[in-house]
Amino acid sequence: MIEKKYSVVSSQVEFPEGVVLKNSTGLLFDRSMLGGLCPEVARAVSGDLVATVFPDRRCVSLFSESRWNELRQILKKVPHNTLEQRTLRRLALGFETYIPRSEPMVLTVTLQSYAGLTGNDLLVVHSSDCMEFWAKDKL
Protein backbone atom coordinates (compact mmCIF):
# COMPACT_ATOMS: atom_id res chain seq x y z
CA MET A 1 0.00 0.00 0.00
CA ILE A 2 2.78 2.45 0.81
CA GLU A 3 3.84 4.44 -2.22
CA LYS A 4 5.50 7.52 -0.74
CA LYS A 5 6.03 9.11 2.67
CA TYR A 6 6.07 12.80 3.52
CA SER A 7 6.63 14.68 6.76
CA VAL A 8 4.11 17.36 7.66
CA VAL A 9 3.92 19.66 10.68
CA SER A 10 0.50 21.00 11.61
CA SER A 11 0.16 21.51 15.34
CA GLN A 12 -0.20 25.30 15.30
CA VAL A 13 -2.64 27.77 13.80
CA GLU A 14 -1.53 31.13 12.48
CA PHE A 15 -4.21 33.79 12.50
CA PRO A 16 -4.32 36.65 9.96
CA GLU A 17 -3.16 39.04 12.67
CA GLY A 18 0.09 37.08 12.89
CA VAL A 19 -0.76 35.38 16.19
CA VAL A 20 0.34 31.73 16.35
CA LEU A 21 -1.42 29.41 18.80
CA LYS A 22 -1.46 25.70 19.52
CA ASN A 23 -4.45 24.10 17.83
CA SER A 24 -6.69 22.64 20.58
CA THR A 25 -9.58 21.39 18.40
CA GLY A 26 -7.47 18.95 16.43
CA LEU A 27 -4.87 19.15 13.73
CA LEU A 28 -5.45 21.83 11.12
CA PHE A 29 -3.96 21.21 7.69
CA ASP A 30 -3.36 23.66 4.89
CA ARG A 31 -4.74 21.86 1.83
CA SER A 32 -2.45 23.75 -0.53
CA MET A 33 0.60 22.78 1.55
CA LEU A 34 -0.48 19.12 1.54
CA GLY A 35 -1.25 19.39 -2.17
CA GLY A 36 2.30 20.56 -2.77
CA LEU A 37 3.64 17.19 -1.62
CA CYS A 38 2.73 15.42 -4.84
CA PRO A 39 -0.03 15.41 -7.50
CA GLU A 40 -1.83 12.40 -6.00
CA VAL A 41 -2.19 14.07 -2.60
CA ALA A 42 -3.21 17.34 -4.30
CA ARG A 43 -6.09 15.55 -6.03
CA ALA A 44 -7.12 13.80 -2.81
CA VAL A 45 -7.29 16.95 -0.67
CA SER A 46 -9.01 19.10 -3.30
CA GLY A 47 -12.39 17.45 -2.75
CA ASP A 48 -14.73 16.43 0.04
CA LEU A 49 -13.07 13.92 2.37
CA VAL A 50 -14.10 11.48 5.05
CA ALA A 51 -11.68 10.60 7.84
CA THR A 52 -11.97 7.52 10.02
CA VAL A 53 -9.96 4.80 11.80
CA PHE A 54 -9.75 1.03 11.68
CA PRO A 55 -9.00 -1.36 14.56
CA ASP A 56 -5.86 -2.92 13.07
CA ARG A 57 -4.25 0.39 12.07
CA ARG A 58 -3.22 3.21 14.43
CA CYS A 59 -3.58 5.93 11.81
CA VAL A 60 -6.24 8.20 10.35
CA SER A 61 -7.54 7.00 6.99
CA LEU A 62 -8.90 9.59 4.57
CA PHE A 63 -11.15 8.72 1.64
CA SER A 64 -12.86 10.70 -1.07
CA GLU A 65 -16.52 11.08 -0.20
CA SER A 66 -17.57 8.83 -3.09
CA ARG A 67 -15.12 6.05 -2.11
CA TRP A 68 -16.20 6.30 1.53
CA ASN A 69 -19.86 5.95 0.57
CA GLU A 70 -19.00 2.68 -1.18
CA LEU A 71 -17.07 1.43 1.85
CA ARG A 72 -19.80 2.60 4.23
CA GLN A 73 -22.35 0.41 2.45
CA ILE A 74 -20.01 -2.57 2.80
CA LEU A 75 -19.38 -1.81 6.49
CA LYS A 76 -23.12 -1.58 7.19
CA LYS A 77 -23.47 -5.16 5.91
CA VAL A 78 -20.76 -6.58 8.18
CA PRO A 79 -22.50 -8.94 10.63
CA HIS A 80 -22.46 -8.31 14.40
CA ASN A 81 -21.65 -11.92 15.31
CA THR A 82 -18.09 -11.58 16.60
CA LEU A 83 -16.22 -9.05 18.68
CA GLU A 84 -13.94 -8.31 15.71
CA GLN A 85 -16.90 -7.54 13.46
CA ARG A 86 -18.53 -5.29 16.04
CA THR A 87 -15.22 -3.50 16.70
CA LEU A 88 -14.64 -2.89 13.00
CA ARG A 89 -18.09 -1.36 12.53
CA ARG A 90 -17.97 0.61 15.77
CA LEU A 91 -14.62 2.21 15.05
CA ALA A 92 -14.91 2.84 11.30
CA LEU A 93 -18.46 4.19 11.48
CA GLY A 94 -18.13 5.78 14.92
CA PHE A 95 -15.09 7.88 14.04
CA GLU A 96 -16.47 8.84 10.60
CA THR A 97 -15.80 12.56 10.12
CA TYR A 98 -16.82 14.52 7.01
CA ILE A 99 -14.42 17.22 5.86
CA PRO A 100 -16.08 19.32 3.14
CA ARG A 101 -13.75 20.94 0.60
CA SER A 102 -15.22 24.33 1.56
CA GLU A 103 -14.18 23.93 5.23
CA PRO A 104 -10.76 23.93 6.86
CA MET A 105 -9.18 20.48 6.88
CA VAL A 106 -9.22 19.58 10.57
CA LEU A 107 -8.59 16.14 12.03
CA THR A 108 -10.57 16.18 15.26
CA VAL A 109 -8.99 15.55 18.64
CA THR A 110 -10.63 12.10 18.76
CA LEU A 111 -9.04 11.08 15.45
CA GLN A 112 -5.76 12.67 16.49
CA SER A 113 -5.77 10.80 19.83
CA TYR A 114 -6.65 7.42 18.32
CA ALA A 115 -3.73 7.62 15.90
CA GLY A 116 -1.32 9.19 18.39
CA LEU A 117 -0.75 12.19 16.12
CA THR A 118 0.97 15.19 17.64
CA GLY A 119 1.30 17.24 14.48
CA ASN A 120 5.05 16.79 14.59
CA ASP A 121 6.71 13.86 12.82
CA LEU A 122 3.58 13.09 10.83
CA LEU A 123 3.77 10.85 7.78
CA VAL A 124 1.34 11.08 4.88
CA VAL A 125 1.02 7.73 3.13
CA HIS A 126 -1.12 7.45 0.04
CA SER A 127 -2.32 4.79 -2.34
CA SER A 128 -4.83 4.76 -5.14
CA ASP A 129 -7.61 4.00 -2.64
CA CYS A 130 -6.97 6.27 0.34
CA MET A 131 -4.54 8.50 2.18
CA GLU A 132 -3.34 7.82 5.72
CA PHE A 133 -1.82 10.05 8.37
CA TRP A 134 0.58 8.18 10.67
CA ALA A 135 2.71 9.19 13.62
CA LYS A 136 6.28 8.28 12.58
CA ASP A 137 6.75 6.07 15.62
CA LYS A 138 3.59 4.04 14.84
CA LEU A 139 4.20 3.15 11.18
C-alpha atoms as a PDB file:
ATOM      1  CA  MET A   1       0.000   0.000   0.000  1.00  0.00           C
ATOM      2  CA  ILE A   2       2.781   2.452   0.813  1.00  0.00           C
ATOM      3  CA  GLU A   3       3.836   4.443  -2.220  1.00  0.00           C
ATOM      4  CA  LYS A   4       5.502   7.518  -0.744  1.00  0.00           C
ATOM      5  CA  LYS A   5       6.031   9.112   2.671  1.00  0.00           C
ATOM      6  CA  TYR A   6       6.068  12.803   3.523  1.00  0.00           C
ATOM      7  CA  SER A   7       6.629  14.683   6.757  1.00  0.00           C
ATOM      8  CA  VAL A   8       4.112  17.363   7.657  1.00  0.00           C
ATOM      9  CA  VAL A   9       3.916  19.661  10.685  1.00  0.00           C
ATOM     10  CA  SER A  10       0.496  20.997  11.608  1.00  0.00           C
ATOM     11  CA  SER A  11       0.158  21.509  15.344  1.00  0.00           C
ATOM     12  CA  GLN A  12      -0.198  25.298  15.298  1.00  0.00           C
ATOM     13  CA  VAL A  13      -2.635  27.767  13.803  1.00  0.00           C
ATOM     14  CA  GLU A  14      -1.528  31.134  12.480  1.00  0.00           C
ATOM     15  CA  PHE A  15      -4.212  33.788  12.495  1.00  0.00           C
ATOM     16  CA  PRO A  16      -4.318  36.653   9.959  1.00  0.00           C
ATOM     17  CA  GLU A  17      -3.156  39.041  12.672  1.00  0.00           C
ATOM     18  CA  GLY A  18       0.093  37.083  12.891  1.00  0.00           C
ATOM     19  CA  VAL A  19      -0.763  35.377  16.193  1.00  0.00           C
ATOM     20  CA  VAL A  20       0.340  31.726  16.352  1.00  0.00           C
ATOM     21  CA  LEU A  21      -1.421  29.414  18.799  1.00  0.00           C
ATOM     22  CA  LYS A  22      -1.460  25.700  19.521  1.00  0.00           C
ATOM     23  CA  ASN A  23      -4.448  24.098  17.830  1.00  0.00           C
ATOM     24  CA  SER A  24      -6.686  22.635  20.578  1.00  0.00           C
ATOM     25  CA  THR A  25      -9.577  21.386  18.396  1.00  0.00           C
ATOM     26  CA  GLY A  26      -7.475  18.947  16.431  1.00  0.00           C
ATOM     27  CA  LEU A  27      -4.869  19.146  13.733  1.00  0.00           C
ATOM     28  CA  LEU A  28      -5.447  21.828  11.122  1.00  0.00           C
ATOM     29  CA  PHE A  29      -3.959  21.213   7.686  1.00  0.00           C
ATOM     30  CA  ASP A  30      -3.358  23.656   4.888  1.00  0.00           C
ATOM     31  CA  ARG A  31      -4.744  21.857   1.828  1.00  0.00           C
ATOM     32  CA  SER A  32      -2.449  23.748  -0.535  1.00  0.00           C
ATOM     33  CA  MET A  33       0.601  22.780   1.549  1.00  0.00           C
ATOM     34  CA  LEU A  34      -0.479  19.120   1.538  1.00  0.00           C
ATOM     35  CA  GLY A  35      -1.245  19.385  -2.167  1.00  0.00           C
ATOM     36  CA  GLY A  36       2.303  20.556  -2.768  1.00  0.00           C
ATOM     37  CA  LEU A  37       3.636  17.194  -1.617  1.00  0.00           C
ATOM     38  CA  CYS A  38       2.727  15.418  -4.844  1.00  0.00           C
ATOM     39  CA  PRO A  39      -0.026  15.411  -7.501  1.00  0.00           C
ATOM     40  CA  GLU A  40      -1.833  12.396  -5.999  1.00  0.00           C
ATOM     41  CA  VAL A  41      -2.189  14.071  -2.601  1.00  0.00           C
ATOM     42  CA  ALA A  42      -3.206  17.344  -4.297  1.00  0.00           C
ATOM     43  CA  ARG A  43      -6.091  15.546  -6.031  1.00  0.00           C
ATOM     44  CA  ALA A  44      -7.118  13.802  -2.810  1.00  0.00           C
ATOM     45  CA  VAL A  45      -7.288  16.954  -0.670  1.00  0.00           C
ATOM     46  CA  SER A  46      -9.007  19.097  -3.298  1.00  0.00           C
ATOM     47  CA  GLY A  47     -12.390  17.448  -2.750  1.00  0.00           C
ATOM     48  CA  ASP A  48     -14.725  16.428   0.039  1.00  0.00           C
ATOM     49  CA  LEU A  49     -13.070  13.920   2.369  1.00  0.00           C
ATOM     50  CA  VAL A  50     -14.104  11.478   5.047  1.00  0.00           C
ATOM     51  CA  ALA A  51     -11.675  10.596   7.835  1.00  0.00           C
ATOM     52  CA  THR A  52     -11.975   7.516  10.017  1.00  0.00           C
ATOM     53  CA  VAL A  53      -9.962   4.802  11.800  1.00  0.00           C
ATOM     54  CA  PHE A  54      -9.750   1.029  11.676  1.00  0.00           C
ATOM     55  CA  PRO A  55      -8.995  -1.355  14.556  1.00  0.00           C
ATOM     56  CA  ASP A  56      -5.860  -2.922  13.068  1.00  0.00           C
ATOM     57  CA  ARG A  57      -4.252   0.391  12.074  1.00  0.00           C
ATOM     58  CA  ARG A  58      -3.224   3.212  14.426  1.00  0.00           C
ATOM     59  CA  CYS A  59      -3.580   5.927  11.812  1.00  0.00           C
ATOM     60  CA  VAL A  60      -6.245   8.200  10.353  1.00  0.00           C
ATOM     61  CA  SER A  61      -7.544   6.995   6.995  1.00  0.00           C
ATOM     62  CA  LEU A  62      -8.903   9.588   4.574  1.00  0.00           C
ATOM     63  CA  PHE A  63     -11.148   8.717   1.644  1.00  0.00           C
ATOM     64  CA  SER A  64     -12.856  10.697  -1.067  1.00  0.00           C
ATOM     65  CA  GLU A  65     -16.525  11.075  -0.201  1.00  0.00           C
ATOM     66  CA  SER A  66     -17.567   8.826  -3.093  1.00  0.00           C
ATOM     67  CA  ARG A  67     -15.120   6.049  -2.113  1.00  0.00           C
ATOM     68  CA  TRP A  68     -16.195   6.299   1.526  1.00  0.00           C
ATOM     69  CA  ASN A  69     -19.856   5.951   0.570  1.00  0.00           C
ATOM     70  CA  GLU A  70     -19.003   2.677  -1.183  1.00  0.00           C
ATOM     71  CA  LEU A  71     -17.066   1.428   1.853  1.00  0.00           C
ATOM     72  CA  ARG A  72     -19.800   2.604   4.225  1.00  0.00           C
ATOM     73  CA  GLN A  73     -22.353   0.407   2.446  1.00  0.00           C
ATOM     74  CA  ILE A  74     -20.006  -2.569   2.801  1.00  0.00           C
ATOM     75  CA  LEU A  75     -19.382  -1.815   6.493  1.00  0.00           C
ATOM     76  CA  LYS A  76     -23.117  -1.577   7.192  1.00  0.00           C
ATOM     77  CA  LYS A  77     -23.472  -5.156   5.905  1.00  0.00           C
ATOM     78  CA  VAL A  78     -20.761  -6.575   8.180  1.00  0.00           C
ATOM     79  CA  PRO A  79     -22.499  -8.943  10.632  1.00  0.00           C
ATOM     80  CA  HIS A  80     -22.464  -8.306  14.395  1.00  0.00           C
ATOM     81  CA  ASN A  81     -21.654 -11.922  15.311  1.00  0.00           C
ATOM     82  CA  THR A  82     -18.090 -11.576  16.598  1.00  0.00           C
ATOM     83  CA  LEU A  83     -16.215  -9.053  18.683  1.00  0.00           C
ATOM     84  CA  GLU A  84     -13.942  -8.312  15.709  1.00  0.00           C
ATOM     85  CA  GLN A  85     -16.903  -7.543  13.461  1.00  0.00           C
ATOM     86  CA  ARG A  86     -18.533  -5.288  16.044  1.00  0.00           C
ATOM     87  CA  THR A  87     -15.221  -3.504  16.703  1.00  0.00           C
ATOM     88  CA  LEU A  88     -14.637  -2.889  13.003  1.00  0.00           C
ATOM     89  CA  ARG A  89     -18.086  -1.362  12.528  1.00  0.00           C
ATOM     90  CA  ARG A  90     -17.974   0.615  15.772  1.00  0.00           C
ATOM     91  CA  LEU A  91     -14.618   2.215  15.049  1.00  0.00           C
ATOM     92  CA  ALA A  92     -14.906   2.835  11.305  1.00  0.00           C
ATOM     93  CA  LEU A  93     -18.460   4.189  11.478  1.00  0.00           C
ATOM     94  CA  GLY A  94     -18.128   5.779  14.918  1.00  0.00           C
ATOM     95  CA  PHE A  95     -15.086   7.885  14.036  1.00  0.00           C
ATOM     96  CA  GLU A  96     -16.465   8.840  10.603  1.00  0.00           C
ATOM     97  CA  THR A  97     -15.803  12.564  10.117  1.00  0.00           C
ATOM     98  CA  TYR A  98     -16.818  14.517   7.007  1.00  0.00           C
ATOM     99  CA  ILE A  99     -14.422  17.217   5.859  1.00  0.00           C
ATOM    100  CA  PRO A 100     -16.075  19.318   3.138  1.00  0.00           C
ATOM    101  CA  ARG A 101     -13.753  20.938   0.595  1.00  0.00           C
ATOM    102  CA  SER A 102     -15.223  24.328   1.556  1.00  0.00           C
ATOM    103  CA  GLU A 103     -14.183  23.931   5.233  1.00  0.00           C
ATOM    104  CA  PRO A 104     -10.757  23.932   6.865  1.00  0.00           C
ATOM    105  CA  MET A 105      -9.177  20.483   6.877  1.00  0.00           C
ATOM    106  CA  VAL A 106      -9.216  19.576  10.573  1.00  0.00           C
ATOM    107  CA  LEU A 107      -8.592  16.136  12.026  1.00  0.00           C
ATOM    108  CA  THR A 108     -10.568  16.181  15.257  1.00  0.00           C
ATOM    109  CA  VAL A 109      -8.989  15.546  18.638  1.00  0.00           C
ATOM    110  CA  THR A 110     -10.630  12.098  18.758  1.00  0.00           C
ATOM    111  CA  LEU A 111      -9.043  11.083  15.450  1.00  0.00           C
ATOM    112  CA  GLN A 112      -5.756  12.669  16.493  1.00  0.00           C
ATOM    113  CA  SER A 113      -5.771  10.803  19.830  1.00  0.00           C
ATOM    114  CA  TYR A 114      -6.650   7.423  18.321  1.00  0.00           C
ATOM    115  CA  ALA A 115      -3.733   7.618  15.896  1.00  0.00           C
ATOM    116  CA  GLY A 116      -1.321   9.193  18.393  1.00  0.00           C
ATOM    117  CA  LEU A 117      -0.746  12.186  16.121  1.00  0.00           C
ATOM    118  CA  THR A 118       0.974  15.191  17.643  1.00  0.00           C
ATOM    119  CA  GLY A 119       1.299  17.237  14.485  1.00  0.00           C
ATOM    120  CA  ASN A 120       5.055  16.788  14.591  1.00  0.00           C
ATOM    121  CA  ASP A 121       6.713  13.863  12.821  1.00  0.00           C
ATOM    122  CA  LEU A 122       3.581  13.093  10.834  1.00  0.00           C
ATOM    123  CA  LEU A 123       3.773  10.850   7.782  1.00  0.00           C
ATOM    124  CA  VAL A 124       1.339  11.080   4.884  1.00  0.00           C
ATOM    125  CA  VAL A 125       1.020   7.734   3.134  1.00  0.00           C
ATOM    126  CA  HIS A 126      -1.122   7.446   0.039  1.00  0.00           C
ATOM    127  CA  SER A 127      -2.318   4.791  -2.339  1.00  0.00           C
ATOM    128  CA  SER A 128      -4.831   4.759  -5.144  1.00  0.00           C
ATOM    129  CA  ASP A 129      -7.613   4.001  -2.636  1.00  0.00           C
ATOM    130  CA  CYS A 130      -6.969   6.268   0.335  1.00  0.00           C
ATOM    131  CA  MET A 131      -4.544   8.502   2.176  1.00  0.00           C
ATOM    132  CA  GLU A 132      -3.339   7.822   5.725  1.00  0.00           C
ATOM    133  CA  PHE A 133      -1.816  10.048   8.368  1.00  0.00           C
ATOM    134  CA  TRP A 134       0.578   8.182  10.667  1.00  0.00           C
ATOM    135  CA  ALA A 135       2.713   9.189  13.619  1.00  0.00           C
ATOM    136  CA  LYS A 136       6.278   8.285  12.581  1.00  0.00           C
ATOM    137  CA  ASP A 137       6.750   6.068  15.622  1.00  0.00           C
ATOM    138  CA  LYS A 138       3.594   4.038  14.845  1.00  0.00           C
ATOM    139  CA  LEU A 139       4.202   3.149  11.180  1.00  0.00           C
END
